[in-house]
N, C-alpha and C. Protein backbone atom coordinates (compact mmCIF):
# COMPACT_ATOMS: atom_id res chain seq x y z
N ILE A 1 6.18 -13.19 -13.49
CA ILE A 1 7.57 -12.81 -13.71
C ILE A 1 8.48 -14.04 -13.70
N LEU A 2 8.20 -14.98 -12.80
CA LEU A 2 9.03 -16.18 -12.71
C LEU A 2 8.92 -17.04 -13.97
N ASN A 3 7.84 -16.89 -14.72
CA ASN A 3 7.65 -17.69 -15.93
C ASN A 3 8.32 -17.09 -17.15
N LEU A 4 8.90 -15.89 -17.02
CA LEU A 4 9.57 -15.26 -18.16
C LEU A 4 10.89 -15.96 -18.47
N SER A 5 11.12 -16.21 -19.75
CA SER A 5 12.38 -16.82 -20.17
C SER A 5 13.42 -15.74 -20.44
N ARG A 6 14.64 -16.17 -20.67
CA ARG A 6 15.70 -15.23 -21.00
C ARG A 6 15.36 -14.48 -22.28
N GLN A 7 14.81 -15.19 -23.26
CA GLN A 7 14.46 -14.57 -24.53
C GLN A 7 13.32 -13.54 -24.35
N ASP A 8 12.39 -13.86 -23.43
CA ASP A 8 11.31 -12.90 -23.13
C ASP A 8 11.89 -11.59 -22.62
N LEU A 9 12.87 -11.69 -21.72
CA LEU A 9 13.49 -10.50 -21.15
C LEU A 9 14.23 -9.70 -22.21
N ILE A 10 14.89 -10.41 -23.13
CA ILE A 10 15.61 -9.73 -24.21
C ILE A 10 14.64 -8.97 -25.10
N GLU A 11 13.50 -9.60 -25.42
CA GLU A 11 12.51 -8.96 -26.28
C GLU A 11 11.86 -7.76 -25.57
N MET A 12 11.61 -7.91 -24.26
CA MET A 12 11.04 -6.79 -23.49
C MET A 12 12.01 -5.62 -23.46
N HIS A 13 13.30 -5.92 -23.32
CA HIS A 13 14.31 -4.87 -23.30
C HIS A 13 14.33 -4.12 -24.63
N LYS A 14 14.25 -4.85 -25.73
CA LYS A 14 14.24 -4.22 -27.05
C LYS A 14 13.01 -3.34 -27.24
N LYS A 15 11.88 -3.81 -26.71
CA LYS A 15 10.61 -3.11 -26.93
C LYS A 15 10.45 -1.88 -26.05
N PHE A 16 10.88 -2.00 -24.79
CA PHE A 16 10.56 -0.95 -23.82
C PHE A 16 11.73 -0.06 -23.42
N PHE A 17 12.97 -0.50 -23.60
CA PHE A 17 14.09 0.34 -23.19
C PHE A 17 14.47 1.27 -24.33
N LYS A 18 13.61 2.30 -24.52
CA LYS A 18 13.83 3.32 -25.54
C LYS A 18 13.66 4.69 -24.89
N VAL A 19 14.47 5.63 -25.32
CA VAL A 19 14.48 6.94 -24.67
C VAL A 19 14.26 8.03 -25.71
N GLN A 20 13.24 8.86 -25.51
CA GLN A 20 13.02 10.02 -26.37
C GLN A 20 13.61 11.29 -25.77
N ASN A 21 13.57 11.39 -24.45
CA ASN A 21 14.22 12.50 -23.75
C ASN A 21 14.65 12.01 -22.38
N ALA A 22 15.52 12.76 -21.76
CA ALA A 22 16.06 12.33 -20.47
C ALA A 22 16.51 13.52 -19.65
N ILE A 23 16.50 13.35 -18.35
CA ILE A 23 17.07 14.34 -17.44
C ILE A 23 18.32 13.71 -16.82
N ILE A 24 19.46 14.30 -17.07
CA ILE A 24 20.73 13.77 -16.56
C ILE A 24 21.28 14.77 -15.55
N THR A 25 21.45 14.32 -14.33
CA THR A 25 21.79 15.22 -13.22
C THR A 25 23.24 15.01 -12.78
N PHE A 26 23.98 16.10 -12.70
CA PHE A 26 25.33 16.08 -12.14
C PHE A 26 25.36 16.98 -10.91
N THR A 27 26.07 16.58 -9.91
CA THR A 27 26.28 17.44 -8.74
C THR A 27 27.77 17.48 -8.43
N GLY A 28 28.17 18.55 -7.78
CA GLY A 28 29.58 18.67 -7.42
C GLY A 28 30.26 19.77 -8.20
N ALA A 29 31.56 19.86 -8.03
CA ALA A 29 32.36 20.93 -8.66
C ALA A 29 32.72 20.52 -10.08
N ILE A 30 31.78 20.73 -11.01
CA ILE A 30 32.02 20.40 -12.40
C ILE A 30 31.57 21.58 -13.25
N PRO A 31 32.40 22.06 -14.18
CA PRO A 31 32.00 23.20 -15.02
C PRO A 31 30.76 22.87 -15.85
N GLN A 32 29.95 23.86 -16.12
CA GLN A 32 28.70 23.63 -16.85
C GLN A 32 28.96 23.05 -18.24
N GLN A 33 29.97 23.56 -18.95
CA GLN A 33 30.25 23.05 -20.30
C GLN A 33 30.62 21.58 -20.27
N GLU A 34 31.40 21.17 -19.27
CA GLU A 34 31.79 19.77 -19.14
C GLU A 34 30.58 18.90 -18.81
N ALA A 35 29.69 19.42 -17.94
CA ALA A 35 28.49 18.68 -17.58
C ALA A 35 27.60 18.47 -18.81
N GLU A 36 27.43 19.53 -19.61
CA GLU A 36 26.61 19.42 -20.81
C GLU A 36 27.22 18.43 -21.81
N LYS A 37 28.53 18.46 -21.95
CA LYS A 37 29.21 17.53 -22.85
C LYS A 37 29.00 16.09 -22.41
N ASN A 38 29.16 15.84 -21.11
CA ASN A 38 28.98 14.48 -20.59
C ASN A 38 27.53 14.03 -20.71
N ALA A 39 26.59 14.96 -20.48
CA ALA A 39 25.17 14.63 -20.59
C ALA A 39 24.82 14.22 -22.01
N ARG A 40 25.33 14.98 -23.01
CA ARG A 40 25.07 14.63 -24.41
C ARG A 40 25.66 13.27 -24.76
N LYS A 41 26.82 12.97 -24.21
CA LYS A 41 27.48 11.69 -24.48
C LYS A 41 26.65 10.53 -23.90
N ILE A 42 26.16 10.72 -22.68
CA ILE A 42 25.33 9.68 -22.06
C ILE A 42 24.04 9.49 -22.84
N PHE A 43 23.39 10.61 -23.21
CA PHE A 43 22.11 10.52 -23.92
C PHE A 43 22.28 9.84 -25.28
N LYS A 44 23.37 10.13 -25.95
CA LYS A 44 23.63 9.55 -27.27
C LYS A 44 23.80 8.04 -27.18
N SER A 45 24.29 7.55 -26.05
CA SER A 45 24.54 6.11 -25.91
C SER A 45 23.27 5.33 -25.60
N LEU A 46 22.18 6.02 -25.25
CA LEU A 46 20.93 5.34 -24.92
C LEU A 46 20.15 5.03 -26.19
N PRO A 47 19.47 3.89 -26.24
CA PRO A 47 18.68 3.55 -27.44
C PRO A 47 17.49 4.48 -27.59
N GLY A 48 17.36 5.10 -28.75
CA GLY A 48 16.27 6.03 -28.98
C GLY A 48 15.06 5.37 -29.62
N GLY A 49 14.02 6.15 -29.84
CA GLY A 49 12.82 5.61 -30.46
C GLY A 49 11.60 5.73 -29.57
N LYS A 50 10.44 5.47 -30.17
CA LYS A 50 9.18 5.55 -29.46
C LYS A 50 8.69 4.16 -29.08
N ILE A 51 8.20 4.02 -27.85
CA ILE A 51 7.67 2.72 -27.40
C ILE A 51 6.28 2.51 -27.99
N GLU A 52 6.12 1.44 -28.72
CA GLU A 52 4.84 1.13 -29.35
C GLU A 52 4.02 0.25 -28.40
N ALA A 53 3.34 0.87 -27.48
CA ALA A 53 2.50 0.14 -26.53
C ALA A 53 1.50 1.11 -25.92
N ALA A 54 0.33 0.59 -25.58
CA ALA A 54 -0.70 1.43 -24.96
C ALA A 54 -0.35 1.70 -23.51
N GLN A 55 -0.54 2.95 -23.08
CA GLN A 55 -0.29 3.30 -21.69
C GLN A 55 -1.51 2.99 -20.84
N THR A 56 -1.27 2.42 -19.68
CA THR A 56 -2.34 2.13 -18.73
C THR A 56 -2.02 2.87 -17.43
N PHE A 57 -2.90 3.77 -17.04
CA PHE A 57 -2.66 4.58 -15.84
C PHE A 57 -3.37 3.98 -14.64
N LEU A 58 -2.81 4.22 -13.46
CA LEU A 58 -3.41 3.73 -12.22
C LEU A 58 -4.77 4.38 -12.01
N GLN A 59 -5.75 3.56 -11.69
CA GLN A 59 -7.09 4.05 -11.38
C GLN A 59 -7.35 3.85 -9.89
N VAL A 60 -7.68 4.93 -9.19
CA VAL A 60 -7.97 4.84 -7.76
C VAL A 60 -9.48 4.69 -7.59
N PRO A 61 -9.96 3.53 -7.15
CA PRO A 61 -11.40 3.31 -7.04
C PRO A 61 -12.01 4.07 -5.88
N GLU A 62 -13.24 4.51 -6.05
CA GLU A 62 -13.98 5.17 -4.97
C GLU A 62 -14.92 4.14 -4.35
N ILE A 63 -14.41 3.45 -3.35
CA ILE A 63 -15.19 2.42 -2.67
C ILE A 63 -15.09 2.62 -1.17
N ASN A 64 -16.07 2.09 -0.46
CA ASN A 64 -16.06 2.14 1.00
C ASN A 64 -16.12 0.69 1.48
N ASN A 65 -14.97 0.11 1.73
CA ASN A 65 -14.93 -1.31 2.05
C ASN A 65 -13.72 -1.59 2.93
N GLU A 66 -13.79 -2.67 3.70
CA GLU A 66 -12.68 -3.07 4.57
C GLU A 66 -12.20 -4.45 4.17
N PHE A 67 -10.89 -4.56 3.99
CA PHE A 67 -10.30 -5.84 3.63
C PHE A 67 -9.43 -6.32 4.79
N VAL A 68 -9.69 -7.49 5.28
CA VAL A 68 -8.96 -8.05 6.41
C VAL A 68 -8.14 -9.24 5.93
N ASN A 69 -6.83 -9.14 6.07
CA ASN A 69 -5.92 -10.23 5.70
C ASN A 69 -5.40 -10.85 7.00
N LYS A 70 -5.85 -12.04 7.35
CA LYS A 70 -5.58 -12.63 8.66
C LYS A 70 -4.27 -13.41 8.65
N TYR A 71 -3.45 -13.12 9.66
CA TYR A 71 -2.20 -13.83 9.86
C TYR A 71 -2.20 -14.42 11.28
N LYS A 72 -1.19 -15.21 11.57
CA LYS A 72 -1.13 -15.86 12.87
C LYS A 72 -0.51 -14.98 13.95
N PHE A 73 0.14 -13.87 13.56
CA PHE A 73 0.72 -13.01 14.58
C PHE A 73 -0.27 -11.93 14.99
N GLU A 74 0.01 -11.28 16.10
CA GLU A 74 -0.99 -10.41 16.72
C GLU A 74 -1.11 -9.05 16.06
N GLN A 75 0.00 -8.48 15.58
CA GLN A 75 -0.02 -7.11 15.09
C GLN A 75 -0.99 -6.96 13.91
N VAL A 76 -1.62 -5.81 13.89
CA VAL A 76 -2.54 -5.48 12.80
C VAL A 76 -2.03 -4.23 12.08
N ASN A 77 -1.80 -4.34 10.79
CA ASN A 77 -1.40 -3.21 9.98
C ASN A 77 -2.65 -2.56 9.41
N VAL A 78 -2.76 -1.26 9.58
CA VAL A 78 -3.95 -0.52 9.14
C VAL A 78 -3.58 0.49 8.08
N ASN A 79 -4.28 0.47 6.96
CA ASN A 79 -4.13 1.47 5.90
C ASN A 79 -5.51 1.95 5.48
N LEU A 80 -5.75 3.24 5.62
CA LEU A 80 -6.98 3.85 5.12
C LEU A 80 -6.63 4.60 3.83
N ASN A 81 -7.24 4.18 2.73
CA ASN A 81 -6.92 4.73 1.42
C ASN A 81 -8.09 5.54 0.87
N MET A 82 -7.78 6.71 0.32
CA MET A 82 -8.80 7.60 -0.21
C MET A 82 -8.33 8.21 -1.53
N PRO A 83 -9.24 8.42 -2.49
CA PRO A 83 -8.86 9.17 -3.70
C PRO A 83 -8.46 10.59 -3.32
N ALA A 84 -7.53 11.16 -4.07
CA ALA A 84 -7.04 12.51 -3.78
C ALA A 84 -6.75 13.23 -5.10
N PRO A 85 -6.56 14.55 -5.06
CA PRO A 85 -6.29 15.31 -6.29
C PRO A 85 -5.02 14.83 -6.99
N ASN A 86 -5.03 14.82 -8.31
CA ASN A 86 -3.80 14.52 -9.03
C ASN A 86 -2.92 15.77 -9.11
N GLN A 87 -1.75 15.62 -9.71
CA GLN A 87 -0.78 16.70 -9.72
C GLN A 87 -1.25 17.93 -10.49
N LEU A 88 -2.16 17.74 -11.44
CA LEU A 88 -2.63 18.85 -12.26
C LEU A 88 -3.84 19.55 -11.66
N SER A 89 -4.36 19.02 -10.57
CA SER A 89 -5.56 19.59 -9.96
C SER A 89 -5.25 20.93 -9.29
N GLU A 90 -6.25 21.80 -9.26
CA GLU A 90 -6.07 23.08 -8.57
C GLU A 90 -5.96 22.88 -7.06
N ASP A 91 -6.32 21.71 -6.57
CA ASP A 91 -6.23 21.42 -5.14
C ASP A 91 -4.94 20.68 -4.77
N PHE A 92 -3.99 20.56 -5.71
CA PHE A 92 -2.76 19.82 -5.45
C PHE A 92 -1.97 20.43 -4.29
N LYS A 93 -1.78 21.75 -4.31
CA LYS A 93 -1.00 22.40 -3.24
C LYS A 93 -1.71 22.27 -1.90
N ALA A 94 -3.03 22.41 -1.92
CA ALA A 94 -3.78 22.28 -0.66
C ALA A 94 -3.63 20.87 -0.11
N MET A 95 -3.66 19.86 -0.99
CA MET A 95 -3.52 18.48 -0.54
C MET A 95 -2.12 18.23 0.01
N THR A 96 -1.12 18.86 -0.59
CA THR A 96 0.25 18.74 -0.08
C THR A 96 0.35 19.29 1.33
N VAL A 97 -0.28 20.42 1.58
CA VAL A 97 -0.26 21.01 2.92
C VAL A 97 -1.04 20.15 3.91
N ILE A 98 -2.16 19.59 3.48
CA ILE A 98 -2.94 18.70 4.35
C ILE A 98 -2.09 17.52 4.79
N ASN A 99 -1.31 16.97 3.86
CA ASN A 99 -0.43 15.85 4.20
C ASN A 99 0.61 16.26 5.24
N LEU A 100 1.14 17.47 5.12
CA LEU A 100 2.11 17.97 6.11
C LEU A 100 1.46 18.16 7.47
N ILE A 101 0.21 18.63 7.49
CA ILE A 101 -0.51 18.84 8.74
C ILE A 101 -0.69 17.52 9.49
N CYS A 102 -0.93 16.46 8.75
CA CYS A 102 -1.18 15.15 9.39
C CYS A 102 0.11 14.52 9.91
N ASN A 103 1.24 14.85 9.32
CA ASN A 103 2.49 14.16 9.64
C ASN A 103 3.34 14.88 10.67
N GLY A 104 4.44 14.24 11.04
CA GLY A 104 5.40 14.84 11.96
C GLY A 104 5.07 14.61 13.42
N ALA A 105 6.04 14.93 14.27
CA ALA A 105 5.87 14.73 15.71
C ALA A 105 4.77 15.61 16.28
N ARG A 106 4.53 16.76 15.62
CA ARG A 106 3.45 17.66 16.05
C ARG A 106 2.21 17.52 15.16
N GLY A 107 2.24 16.53 14.28
CA GLY A 107 1.15 16.33 13.34
C GLY A 107 -0.09 15.74 14.00
N ARG A 108 -1.20 15.85 13.30
CA ARG A 108 -2.48 15.41 13.86
C ARG A 108 -2.54 13.90 14.10
N ILE A 109 -1.96 13.12 13.20
CA ILE A 109 -2.05 11.67 13.34
C ILE A 109 -1.28 11.19 14.57
N HIS A 110 -0.06 11.70 14.76
CA HIS A 110 0.73 11.31 15.92
C HIS A 110 0.03 11.72 17.21
N LYS A 111 -0.50 12.93 17.24
CA LYS A 111 -1.19 13.41 18.44
C LYS A 111 -2.42 12.56 18.75
N ALA A 112 -3.17 12.21 17.71
CA ALA A 112 -4.41 11.46 17.92
C ALA A 112 -4.13 10.03 18.39
N LEU A 113 -3.07 9.41 17.90
CA LEU A 113 -2.79 8.02 18.23
C LEU A 113 -1.92 7.85 19.46
N ARG A 114 -0.99 8.80 19.70
CA ARG A 114 -0.05 8.67 20.81
C ARG A 114 -0.26 9.71 21.90
N GLY A 115 -0.53 10.96 21.48
CA GLY A 115 -0.66 12.03 22.46
C GLY A 115 -1.95 11.98 23.23
N GLU A 116 -3.05 11.62 22.55
CA GLU A 116 -4.36 11.62 23.20
C GLU A 116 -4.87 10.21 23.50
N ASN A 117 -4.36 9.22 22.79
CA ASN A 117 -4.78 7.84 22.98
C ASN A 117 -3.57 6.92 22.97
N ASP A 118 -3.67 5.80 23.63
CA ASP A 118 -2.58 4.82 23.65
C ASP A 118 -2.94 3.69 22.69
N LEU A 119 -2.87 4.02 21.38
CA LEU A 119 -3.38 3.09 20.39
C LEU A 119 -2.32 2.49 19.48
N ALA A 120 -1.20 3.16 19.31
CA ALA A 120 -0.22 2.68 18.33
C ALA A 120 1.15 3.24 18.63
N TYR A 121 2.18 2.55 18.13
CA TYR A 121 3.54 3.06 18.24
C TYR A 121 3.78 4.19 17.24
N TYR A 122 3.10 4.12 16.11
CA TYR A 122 3.32 5.14 15.09
C TYR A 122 2.06 5.28 14.23
N GLY A 123 2.01 6.37 13.51
CA GLY A 123 0.94 6.62 12.56
C GLY A 123 1.34 7.79 11.68
N TYR A 124 1.07 7.70 10.40
CA TYR A 124 1.46 8.78 9.50
C TYR A 124 0.58 8.75 8.26
N SER A 125 0.63 9.84 7.50
CA SER A 125 -0.10 9.91 6.25
C SER A 125 0.88 9.97 5.09
N SER A 126 0.41 9.64 3.90
CA SER A 126 1.22 9.76 2.69
C SER A 126 0.32 10.18 1.54
N TYR A 127 0.87 10.99 0.67
CA TYR A 127 0.14 11.50 -0.48
C TYR A 127 0.87 11.06 -1.74
N GLY A 128 0.28 10.15 -2.47
CA GLY A 128 0.86 9.68 -3.72
C GLY A 128 0.14 10.33 -4.90
N TYR A 129 0.89 10.73 -5.91
CA TYR A 129 0.26 11.44 -7.01
C TYR A 129 1.09 11.34 -8.28
N SER A 130 0.43 11.55 -9.38
CA SER A 130 1.05 11.76 -10.68
C SER A 130 0.13 12.71 -11.44
N LYS A 131 0.40 12.93 -12.72
CA LYS A 131 -0.47 13.79 -13.51
C LYS A 131 -1.81 13.12 -13.81
N ASN A 132 -1.89 11.81 -13.53
CA ASN A 132 -3.09 11.06 -13.90
C ASN A 132 -3.89 10.52 -12.72
N HIS A 133 -3.30 10.51 -11.52
CA HIS A 133 -4.04 9.97 -10.38
C HIS A 133 -3.51 10.58 -9.08
N GLY A 134 -4.24 10.35 -8.01
CA GLY A 134 -3.80 10.77 -6.69
C GLY A 134 -4.50 9.95 -5.62
N TYR A 135 -3.79 9.66 -4.52
CA TYR A 135 -4.41 8.96 -3.40
C TYR A 135 -3.80 9.46 -2.10
N PHE A 136 -4.59 9.40 -1.05
CA PHE A 136 -4.17 9.82 0.28
C PHE A 136 -4.33 8.62 1.20
N ARG A 137 -3.29 8.31 2.00
CA ARG A 137 -3.28 7.09 2.82
C ARG A 137 -2.87 7.40 4.25
N LEU A 138 -3.62 6.86 5.20
CA LEU A 138 -3.24 6.90 6.61
C LEU A 138 -2.77 5.51 7.00
N THR A 139 -1.60 5.43 7.63
CA THR A 139 -0.98 4.14 7.95
C THR A 139 -0.65 4.06 9.43
N SER A 140 -0.93 2.91 10.02
CA SER A 140 -0.57 2.69 11.42
C SER A 140 -0.52 1.19 11.69
N GLN A 141 -0.19 0.84 12.93
CA GLN A 141 -0.15 -0.57 13.35
C GLN A 141 -0.53 -0.64 14.82
N THR A 142 -1.32 -1.63 15.17
CA THR A 142 -1.75 -1.78 16.56
C THR A 142 -2.03 -3.25 16.85
N SER A 143 -2.61 -3.52 18.02
CA SER A 143 -2.98 -4.89 18.38
C SER A 143 -4.40 -5.17 17.90
N ILE A 144 -4.75 -6.44 17.84
CA ILE A 144 -6.05 -6.84 17.30
C ILE A 144 -7.20 -6.28 18.12
N ASP A 145 -7.01 -6.14 19.43
CA ASP A 145 -8.11 -5.65 20.27
C ASP A 145 -8.31 -4.14 20.18
N LYS A 146 -7.33 -3.43 19.60
CA LYS A 146 -7.47 -1.98 19.47
C LYS A 146 -7.68 -1.54 18.02
N LYS A 147 -7.80 -2.50 17.13
CA LYS A 147 -7.92 -2.18 15.70
C LYS A 147 -9.10 -1.26 15.40
N ASP A 148 -10.28 -1.65 15.86
CA ASP A 148 -11.48 -0.88 15.53
C ASP A 148 -11.43 0.53 16.12
N GLU A 149 -10.89 0.65 17.34
CA GLU A 149 -10.78 1.97 17.95
C GLU A 149 -9.81 2.84 17.18
N LEU A 150 -8.69 2.25 16.75
CA LEU A 150 -7.70 3.01 15.99
C LEU A 150 -8.30 3.50 14.67
N ILE A 151 -9.00 2.64 13.96
CA ILE A 151 -9.63 3.04 12.70
C ILE A 151 -10.63 4.16 12.95
N GLY A 152 -11.38 4.07 14.04
CA GLY A 152 -12.33 5.12 14.38
C GLY A 152 -11.67 6.46 14.61
N VAL A 153 -10.51 6.46 15.28
CA VAL A 153 -9.78 7.70 15.55
C VAL A 153 -9.27 8.30 14.24
N LEU A 154 -8.73 7.46 13.36
CA LEU A 154 -8.24 7.94 12.07
C LEU A 154 -9.38 8.52 11.23
N GLU A 155 -10.51 7.85 11.22
CA GLU A 155 -11.67 8.35 10.48
C GLU A 155 -12.16 9.68 11.05
N SER A 156 -12.07 9.82 12.38
CA SER A 156 -12.46 11.07 13.03
C SER A 156 -11.55 12.22 12.60
N GLU A 157 -10.25 11.95 12.44
CA GLU A 157 -9.32 12.98 11.99
C GLU A 157 -9.62 13.42 10.56
N ILE A 158 -10.05 12.49 9.74
CA ILE A 158 -10.43 12.83 8.37
C ILE A 158 -11.67 13.73 8.38
N GLU A 159 -12.62 13.41 9.23
CA GLU A 159 -13.83 14.22 9.32
C GLU A 159 -13.52 15.64 9.78
N LYS A 160 -12.54 15.78 10.70
CA LYS A 160 -12.15 17.11 11.18
C LYS A 160 -11.55 17.93 10.03
N LEU A 161 -10.74 17.27 9.20
CA LEU A 161 -10.14 17.96 8.06
C LEU A 161 -11.21 18.44 7.08
N LYS A 162 -12.28 17.68 6.99
CA LYS A 162 -13.34 18.00 6.04
C LYS A 162 -14.28 19.09 6.55
N SER A 163 -14.38 19.23 7.86
CA SER A 163 -15.43 20.10 8.40
C SER A 163 -14.95 21.27 9.25
N VAL A 164 -13.72 21.21 9.76
CA VAL A 164 -13.23 22.26 10.67
C VAL A 164 -12.13 23.07 9.98
N PRO A 165 -12.23 24.40 9.94
CA PRO A 165 -11.21 25.23 9.30
C PRO A 165 -9.83 25.00 9.94
N VAL A 166 -8.79 25.07 9.11
CA VAL A 166 -7.41 24.90 9.57
C VAL A 166 -6.79 26.28 9.77
N SER A 167 -6.18 26.51 10.91
CA SER A 167 -5.61 27.82 11.20
C SER A 167 -4.31 28.03 10.45
N ARG A 168 -3.99 29.29 10.22
CA ARG A 168 -2.73 29.64 9.58
C ARG A 168 -1.54 29.19 10.43
N GLU A 169 -1.70 29.25 11.76
CA GLU A 169 -0.62 28.87 12.65
C GLU A 169 -0.27 27.38 12.48
N GLU A 170 -1.28 26.54 12.37
CA GLU A 170 -1.03 25.10 12.22
C GLU A 170 -0.37 24.81 10.87
N ILE A 171 -0.80 25.52 9.83
CA ILE A 171 -0.19 25.34 8.52
C ILE A 171 1.28 25.74 8.56
N ALA A 172 1.58 26.89 9.17
CA ALA A 172 2.96 27.38 9.25
C ALA A 172 3.85 26.41 10.02
N LEU A 173 3.35 25.88 11.15
CA LEU A 173 4.13 24.93 11.95
C LEU A 173 4.40 23.65 11.18
N ALA A 174 3.40 23.17 10.43
CA ALA A 174 3.56 21.94 9.67
C ALA A 174 4.62 22.10 8.58
N ILE A 175 4.58 23.23 7.87
CA ILE A 175 5.55 23.50 6.81
C ILE A 175 6.95 23.66 7.40
N GLU A 176 7.05 24.36 8.52
CA GLU A 176 8.35 24.58 9.17
C GLU A 176 8.97 23.25 9.61
N GLU A 177 8.16 22.38 10.23
CA GLU A 177 8.70 21.10 10.70
C GLU A 177 9.13 20.23 9.53
N ASN A 178 8.33 20.22 8.46
CA ASN A 178 8.69 19.42 7.30
C ASN A 178 10.00 19.90 6.69
N GLN A 179 10.20 21.21 6.63
CA GLN A 179 11.42 21.74 6.06
C GLN A 179 12.63 21.36 6.91
N LYS A 180 12.48 21.37 8.23
CA LYS A 180 13.58 20.97 9.11
C LYS A 180 13.94 19.50 8.90
N ILE A 181 12.91 18.66 8.76
CA ILE A 181 13.14 17.23 8.53
C ILE A 181 13.86 17.01 7.21
N MET A 182 13.40 17.68 6.16
CA MET A 182 14.02 17.51 4.85
C MET A 182 15.46 18.02 4.85
N ASN A 183 15.70 19.13 5.53
CA ASN A 183 17.06 19.68 5.59
C ASN A 183 18.01 18.73 6.31
N SER A 184 17.53 18.07 7.37
CA SER A 184 18.38 17.13 8.11
C SER A 184 18.56 15.81 7.36
N TYR A 185 17.58 15.48 6.53
CA TYR A 185 17.62 14.21 5.80
C TYR A 185 18.49 14.29 4.55
N MET A 186 18.49 15.46 3.90
CA MET A 186 19.18 15.61 2.63
C MET A 186 20.69 15.66 2.82
N ASP A 187 21.40 14.98 1.93
CA ASP A 187 22.85 15.11 1.84
C ASP A 187 23.22 15.08 0.36
N ASP A 188 24.49 15.15 0.07
CA ASP A 188 24.93 15.22 -1.33
C ASP A 188 24.57 13.98 -2.13
N ASN A 189 24.34 12.86 -1.45
CA ASN A 189 23.98 11.62 -2.16
C ASN A 189 22.49 11.56 -2.47
N ARG A 190 21.65 12.01 -1.54
CA ARG A 190 20.20 11.92 -1.72
C ARG A 190 19.64 13.03 -2.62
N LEU A 191 20.22 14.23 -2.51
CA LEU A 191 19.66 15.39 -3.18
C LEU A 191 19.49 15.19 -4.70
N PRO A 192 20.48 14.65 -5.41
CA PRO A 192 20.30 14.50 -6.87
C PRO A 192 19.09 13.65 -7.24
N TYR A 193 18.81 12.60 -6.47
CA TYR A 193 17.67 11.75 -6.78
C TYR A 193 16.36 12.53 -6.62
N TYR A 194 16.28 13.33 -5.58
CA TYR A 194 15.04 14.08 -5.33
C TYR A 194 14.83 15.17 -6.38
N ILE A 195 15.87 15.94 -6.69
CA ILE A 195 15.68 17.03 -7.64
C ILE A 195 15.38 16.48 -9.03
N THR A 196 15.95 15.34 -9.38
CA THR A 196 15.65 14.72 -10.67
C THR A 196 14.22 14.21 -10.71
N GLN A 197 13.79 13.59 -9.63
CA GLN A 197 12.41 13.08 -9.55
C GLN A 197 11.40 14.20 -9.70
N TYR A 198 11.60 15.31 -8.98
CA TYR A 198 10.64 16.41 -9.04
C TYR A 198 10.67 17.10 -10.40
N GLU A 199 11.84 17.24 -10.99
CA GLU A 199 11.94 17.84 -12.32
C GLU A 199 11.23 16.96 -13.36
N ALA A 200 11.41 15.64 -13.26
CA ALA A 200 10.79 14.72 -14.21
C ALA A 200 9.27 14.72 -14.09
N SER A 201 8.75 14.92 -12.89
CA SER A 201 7.31 14.89 -12.68
C SER A 201 6.65 16.22 -13.03
N GLY A 202 7.47 17.24 -13.32
CA GLY A 202 6.93 18.53 -13.71
C GLY A 202 6.84 19.54 -12.59
N LEU A 203 7.26 19.18 -11.38
CA LEU A 203 7.20 20.10 -10.26
C LEU A 203 8.39 21.06 -10.22
N GLY A 204 9.46 20.70 -10.90
CA GLY A 204 10.64 21.56 -10.94
C GLY A 204 11.75 21.06 -10.02
N TYR A 205 13.00 21.24 -10.45
CA TYR A 205 14.13 20.75 -9.67
C TYR A 205 14.25 21.44 -8.31
N ASP A 206 13.69 22.65 -8.20
CA ASP A 206 13.80 23.42 -6.96
C ASP A 206 12.54 23.28 -6.10
N TYR A 207 11.76 22.20 -6.33
CA TYR A 207 10.50 22.04 -5.61
C TYR A 207 10.71 21.96 -4.10
N LEU A 208 11.75 21.30 -3.65
CA LEU A 208 12.00 21.19 -2.21
C LEU A 208 12.21 22.57 -1.58
N LYS A 209 12.91 23.43 -2.29
CA LYS A 209 13.13 24.79 -1.77
C LYS A 209 11.83 25.58 -1.76
N ARG A 210 11.05 25.44 -2.84
CA ARG A 210 9.80 26.19 -2.93
C ARG A 210 8.74 25.66 -1.98
N LEU A 211 8.84 24.38 -1.59
CA LEU A 211 7.86 23.79 -0.69
C LEU A 211 7.83 24.53 0.63
N SER A 212 8.96 25.04 1.07
CA SER A 212 9.01 25.76 2.34
C SER A 212 8.34 27.12 2.25
N LEU A 213 8.06 27.59 1.04
CA LEU A 213 7.46 28.91 0.85
C LEU A 213 5.96 28.84 0.60
N ILE A 214 5.41 27.60 0.57
CA ILE A 214 3.97 27.46 0.33
C ILE A 214 3.20 28.17 1.43
N HIS A 215 2.22 28.94 1.07
CA HIS A 215 1.36 29.56 2.06
C HIS A 215 -0.05 29.69 1.47
N ILE A 216 -1.00 29.81 2.32
CA ILE A 216 -2.39 29.97 1.89
C ILE A 216 -2.73 31.45 1.93
N SER A 217 -2.92 32.06 0.76
CA SER A 217 -3.16 33.50 0.70
C SER A 217 -4.61 33.85 0.92
N GLU A 218 -5.51 32.87 0.73
CA GLU A 218 -6.92 33.12 0.91
C GLU A 218 -7.32 32.78 2.33
N PRO A 219 -8.49 33.22 2.82
CA PRO A 219 -8.93 32.88 4.17
C PRO A 219 -8.97 31.37 4.36
N THR A 220 -8.60 30.91 5.55
CA THR A 220 -8.58 29.49 5.82
C THR A 220 -9.98 28.92 5.72
N ARG A 221 -10.06 27.69 5.21
CA ARG A 221 -11.35 27.04 5.01
C ARG A 221 -11.15 25.54 5.11
N PRO A 222 -12.22 24.78 5.31
CA PRO A 222 -12.08 23.32 5.28
C PRO A 222 -11.72 22.87 3.89
N TYR A 223 -10.89 21.82 3.76
CA TYR A 223 -10.52 21.29 2.46
C TYR A 223 -11.17 19.91 2.31
């Protein structure tokens, strides 16, 4: 990036800054007709056309390996990365619920690292996805002398998810806590970004509202 010239940036802008469709979000007390008029005006001002370039999608490798990046300070950052269902998979909703089960103050990761063991200040999971890829990540930080034990505990939690059925009660609590967190986090400034992001990814602008209604209608089973 540092080697790019001003002319390179101009050419990249001409090649890649093209819009075929767009989602334009307005919030607040604005009449629908006025919003539509403003949206058309904004869209018309954007350069149109098709980008002539090959798309390259993220590939999540299936490997079992440990990478150690050594620094002079004591803290050790731990990330366990695993392939996960993409957004179009039939297991997408189940994976979303699994991520909720692992997270939060009552989540499995916090309990395993802080409630049952004195291994870390924090620990959480994250589920990244698109229509083309998916990955599941457990993240924490500890001291060098507790690194191996912490990794072992995280791996044990993964094994439990794979082999032990999840109760409906735990699923309901996880969804309830996540909804409370999102409700407290959202305000008029953040909400437009989230609803636009979910609409653009194909989940729908009301995904946050529908997320609180997710339930497992079939008998509980290991995922």
